[in-house]
């Protein structure tokens, strides 16, 4: 999977899990400041990434990501 495809897919999954319009998200979107998500949303996101992309990421590693770009980098390492 190309990097741009991976970025688009993860933005799509974040939009679903955090119930946000996809066009309001970017690689620079900050999880804590802009999405203000609960840990249960990050659990759902990690599960979706595993299901959709066949990439297992540790929840603590995913939760440590500040931006969507950080999460894309993490997933890319695991693929």
N, C-alpha and C. Protein backbone atom coordinates (compact mmCIF):
# COMPACT_ATOMS: atom_id res chain seq x y z
N UNK A 1 0.85 -1.18 0.00
CA UNK A 1 0.00 0.00 0.00
C UNK A 1 0.89 1.24 0.00
N UNK A 2 0.56 2.17 -0.88
CA UNK A 2 1.31 3.42 -0.96
C UNK A 2 1.05 4.27 0.28
N UNK A 3 1.98 5.13 0.60
CA UNK A 3 1.86 5.99 1.78
C UNK A 3 0.58 6.84 1.70
N UNK A 4 0.29 7.40 0.52
CA UNK A 4 -0.90 8.26 0.40
C UNK A 4 -2.18 7.46 0.61
N UNK A 5 -2.21 6.21 0.17
CA UNK A 5 -3.37 5.35 0.40
C UNK A 5 -3.53 5.05 1.88
N UNK A 6 -2.41 4.79 2.55
CA UNK A 6 -2.42 4.51 3.98
C UNK A 6 -2.92 5.73 4.76
N UNK A 7 -2.42 6.90 4.39
CA UNK A 7 -2.86 8.13 5.06
C UNK A 7 -4.37 8.31 4.91
N UNK A 8 -4.88 8.11 3.69
CA UNK A 8 -6.31 8.29 3.43
C UNK A 8 -7.14 7.29 4.22
N UNK A 9 -6.67 6.04 4.28
CA UNK A 9 -7.41 5.00 4.99
C UNK A 9 -7.45 5.30 6.49
N UNK A 10 -6.34 5.72 7.06
CA UNK A 10 -6.30 6.00 8.49
C UNK A 10 -7.15 7.23 8.81
N UNK A 11 -7.14 8.23 7.97
CA UNK A 11 -8.02 9.38 8.18
C UNK A 11 -9.47 8.94 8.13
N UNK A 12 -9.80 8.04 7.21
CA UNK A 12 -11.16 7.50 7.13
C UNK A 12 -11.54 6.77 8.42
N UNK A 13 -10.63 5.95 8.94
CA UNK A 13 -10.90 5.19 10.17
C UNK A 13 -11.02 6.11 11.38
N UNK A 14 -10.19 7.14 11.44
CA UNK A 14 -10.28 8.11 12.54
C UNK A 14 -11.64 8.81 12.48
N UNK A 15 -12.06 9.19 11.29
CA UNK A 15 -13.36 9.86 11.12
C UNK A 15 -14.49 8.98 11.64
N UNK A 16 -14.44 7.70 11.34
CA UNK A 16 -15.47 6.76 11.79
C UNK A 16 -15.44 6.62 13.31
N UNK A 17 -14.27 6.33 13.86
CA UNK A 17 -14.16 6.06 15.30
C UNK A 17 -14.41 7.28 16.16
N UNK A 18 -14.06 8.46 15.67
CA UNK A 18 -14.24 9.68 16.45
C UNK A 18 -15.48 10.47 16.03
N UNK A 19 -16.24 9.91 15.09
CA UNK A 19 -17.48 10.52 14.62
C UNK A 19 -17.26 11.97 14.18
N UNK A 20 -16.28 12.13 13.30
CA UNK A 20 -15.94 13.45 12.76
C UNK A 20 -16.02 13.39 11.25
N UNK A 21 -16.41 14.50 10.60
CA UNK A 21 -16.39 14.53 9.13
C UNK A 21 -14.95 14.36 8.63
N UNK A 22 -14.79 13.50 7.65
CA UNK A 22 -13.46 13.20 7.14
C UNK A 22 -12.77 14.45 6.58
N UNK A 23 -13.54 15.35 6.00
CA UNK A 23 -12.93 16.55 5.41
C UNK A 23 -12.44 17.56 6.46
N UNK A 24 -12.75 17.32 7.73
CA UNK A 24 -12.24 18.18 8.81
C UNK A 24 -10.94 17.64 9.39
N UNK A 25 -10.49 16.49 8.92
CA UNK A 25 -9.29 15.86 9.45
C UNK A 25 -8.13 15.99 8.48
N UNK A 26 -6.92 16.07 9.05
CA UNK A 26 -5.70 16.09 8.24
C UNK A 26 -4.63 15.33 9.00
N UNK A 27 -3.48 15.19 8.40
CA UNK A 27 -2.38 14.50 9.07
C UNK A 27 -1.93 15.27 10.31
N UNK A 28 -2.18 16.56 10.35
CA UNK A 28 -1.77 17.38 11.48
C UNK A 28 -2.82 17.45 12.59
N UNK A 29 -3.96 16.80 12.40
CA UNK A 29 -5.00 16.80 13.44
C UNK A 29 -4.45 16.17 14.71
N UNK A 30 -4.62 16.88 15.81
CA UNK A 30 -4.10 16.43 17.10
C UNK A 30 -5.19 15.69 17.86
N UNK A 31 -4.88 14.48 18.31
CA UNK A 31 -5.86 13.65 19.00
C UNK A 31 -6.38 14.31 20.28
N UNK A 32 -5.48 14.80 21.11
CA UNK A 32 -5.90 15.33 22.41
C UNK A 32 -6.55 16.71 22.28
N UNK A 33 -5.95 17.59 21.50
CA UNK A 33 -6.45 18.97 21.41
C UNK A 33 -7.67 19.12 20.52
N UNK A 34 -7.68 18.42 19.38
CA UNK A 34 -8.76 18.63 18.42
C UNK A 34 -9.85 17.58 18.48
N UNK A 35 -9.48 16.34 18.72
CA UNK A 35 -10.48 15.27 18.73
C UNK A 35 -11.04 15.00 20.12
N UNK A 36 -10.26 15.31 21.13
CA UNK A 36 -10.71 15.15 22.52
C UNK A 36 -11.39 13.80 22.75
N UNK A 37 -10.79 12.77 22.19
CA UNK A 37 -11.39 11.45 22.27
C UNK A 37 -11.18 10.75 23.60
N UNK A 38 -12.10 9.88 23.89
CA UNK A 38 -11.97 9.02 25.06
C UNK A 38 -11.12 7.82 24.68
N UNK A 39 -10.60 7.15 25.69
CA UNK A 39 -9.74 5.99 25.42
C UNK A 39 -10.51 4.90 24.67
N UNK A 40 -11.81 4.83 24.87
CA UNK A 40 -12.59 3.81 24.19
C UNK A 40 -12.58 4.04 22.66
N UNK A 41 -12.48 5.29 22.24
CA UNK A 41 -12.39 5.58 20.81
C UNK A 41 -11.04 5.13 20.25
N UNK A 42 -9.99 5.29 21.02
CA UNK A 42 -8.67 4.83 20.57
C UNK A 42 -8.63 3.31 20.51
N UNK A 43 -9.30 2.64 21.45
CA UNK A 43 -9.39 1.18 21.41
C UNK A 43 -10.09 0.76 20.12
N UNK A 44 -11.19 1.42 19.80
CA UNK A 44 -11.93 1.10 18.57
C UNK A 44 -11.07 1.37 17.34
N UNK A 45 -10.32 2.45 17.36
CA UNK A 45 -9.46 2.79 16.23
C UNK A 45 -8.37 1.75 16.04
N UNK A 46 -7.73 1.34 17.12
CA UNK A 46 -6.68 0.31 17.04
C UNK A 46 -7.26 -0.99 16.48
N UNK A 47 -8.48 -1.34 16.90
CA UNK A 47 -9.13 -2.55 16.41
C UNK A 47 -9.46 -2.43 14.92
N UNK A 48 -9.93 -1.27 14.51
CA UNK A 48 -10.24 -1.05 13.09
C UNK A 48 -8.98 -1.13 12.23
N UNK A 49 -7.89 -0.56 12.72
CA UNK A 49 -6.62 -0.62 11.98
C UNK A 49 -6.20 -2.07 11.81
N UNK A 50 -6.33 -2.86 12.88
CA UNK A 50 -5.97 -4.27 12.80
C UNK A 50 -6.87 -5.01 11.79
N UNK A 51 -8.17 -4.75 11.85
CA UNK A 51 -9.11 -5.43 10.95
C UNK A 51 -8.94 -5.01 9.50
N UNK A 52 -8.84 -3.71 9.27
CA UNK A 52 -8.82 -3.18 7.91
C UNK A 52 -7.44 -3.27 7.24
N UNK A 53 -6.39 -3.10 8.02
CA UNK A 53 -5.05 -3.01 7.44
C UNK A 53 -4.15 -4.18 7.80
N UNK A 54 -4.66 -5.08 8.64
CA UNK A 54 -3.90 -6.24 9.07
C UNK A 54 -2.56 -5.83 9.70
N UNK A 55 -2.61 -4.75 10.47
CA UNK A 55 -1.43 -4.26 11.17
C UNK A 55 -1.77 -4.17 12.65
N UNK A 56 -1.08 -4.95 13.48
CA UNK A 56 -1.34 -4.92 14.91
C UNK A 56 -0.49 -3.84 15.56
N UNK A 57 -1.15 -2.91 16.22
CA UNK A 57 -0.42 -1.87 16.96
C UNK A 57 -0.84 -1.95 18.42
N UNK A 58 0.12 -1.75 19.29
CA UNK A 58 -0.16 -1.75 20.72
C UNK A 58 -1.00 -0.53 21.06
N UNK A 59 -1.98 -0.73 21.91
CA UNK A 59 -2.85 0.38 22.30
C UNK A 59 -2.06 1.51 22.94
N UNK A 60 -1.10 1.18 23.78
CA UNK A 60 -0.31 2.23 24.43
C UNK A 60 0.50 3.03 23.41
N UNK A 61 0.96 2.37 22.35
CA UNK A 61 1.70 3.08 21.30
C UNK A 61 0.77 3.99 20.51
N UNK A 62 -0.42 3.48 20.20
CA UNK A 62 -1.41 4.29 19.47
C UNK A 62 -1.82 5.49 20.31
N UNK A 63 -2.05 5.27 21.59
CA UNK A 63 -2.48 6.35 22.48
C UNK A 63 -1.39 7.41 22.65
N UNK A 64 -0.14 7.04 22.44
CA UNK A 64 0.97 7.98 22.57
C UNK A 64 1.11 8.88 21.35
N UNK A 65 0.42 8.58 20.28
CA UNK A 65 0.49 9.40 19.07
C UNK A 65 -0.21 10.73 19.31
N UNK A 66 0.48 11.79 18.96
CA UNK A 66 -0.11 13.12 19.13
C UNK A 66 -0.99 13.51 17.95
N UNK A 67 -0.54 13.15 16.74
CA UNK A 67 -1.28 13.54 15.54
C UNK A 67 -1.61 12.30 14.71
N UNK A 68 -2.48 12.50 13.72
CA UNK A 68 -2.80 11.41 12.81
C UNK A 68 -1.54 10.97 12.05
N UNK A 69 -0.67 11.92 11.72
CA UNK A 69 0.59 11.58 11.03
C UNK A 69 1.41 10.62 11.88
N UNK A 70 1.48 10.88 13.19
CA UNK A 70 2.22 9.98 14.08
C UNK A 70 1.64 8.57 14.02
N UNK A 71 0.32 8.49 13.96
CA UNK A 71 -0.34 7.18 13.89
C UNK A 71 -0.05 6.49 12.57
N UNK A 72 -0.06 7.26 11.49
CA UNK A 72 0.27 6.70 10.16
C UNK A 72 1.69 6.15 10.18
N UNK A 73 2.62 6.90 10.76
CA UNK A 73 4.01 6.45 10.86
C UNK A 73 4.10 5.13 11.62
N UNK A 74 3.37 5.05 12.73
CA UNK A 74 3.37 3.84 13.57
C UNK A 74 2.82 2.65 12.78
N UNK A 75 1.71 2.83 12.12
CA UNK A 75 1.09 1.74 11.35
C UNK A 75 2.01 1.32 10.21
N UNK A 76 2.62 2.29 9.54
CA UNK A 76 3.52 1.99 8.43
C UNK A 76 4.68 1.11 8.89
N UNK A 77 5.20 1.35 10.10
CA UNK A 77 6.27 0.53 10.64
C UNK A 77 5.83 -0.92 10.86
N UNK A 78 4.55 -1.11 11.19
CA UNK A 78 4.05 -2.44 11.51
C UNK A 78 3.60 -3.23 10.28
N UNK A 79 3.54 -2.57 9.14
CA UNK A 79 3.07 -3.25 7.92
C UNK A 79 4.20 -3.95 7.19
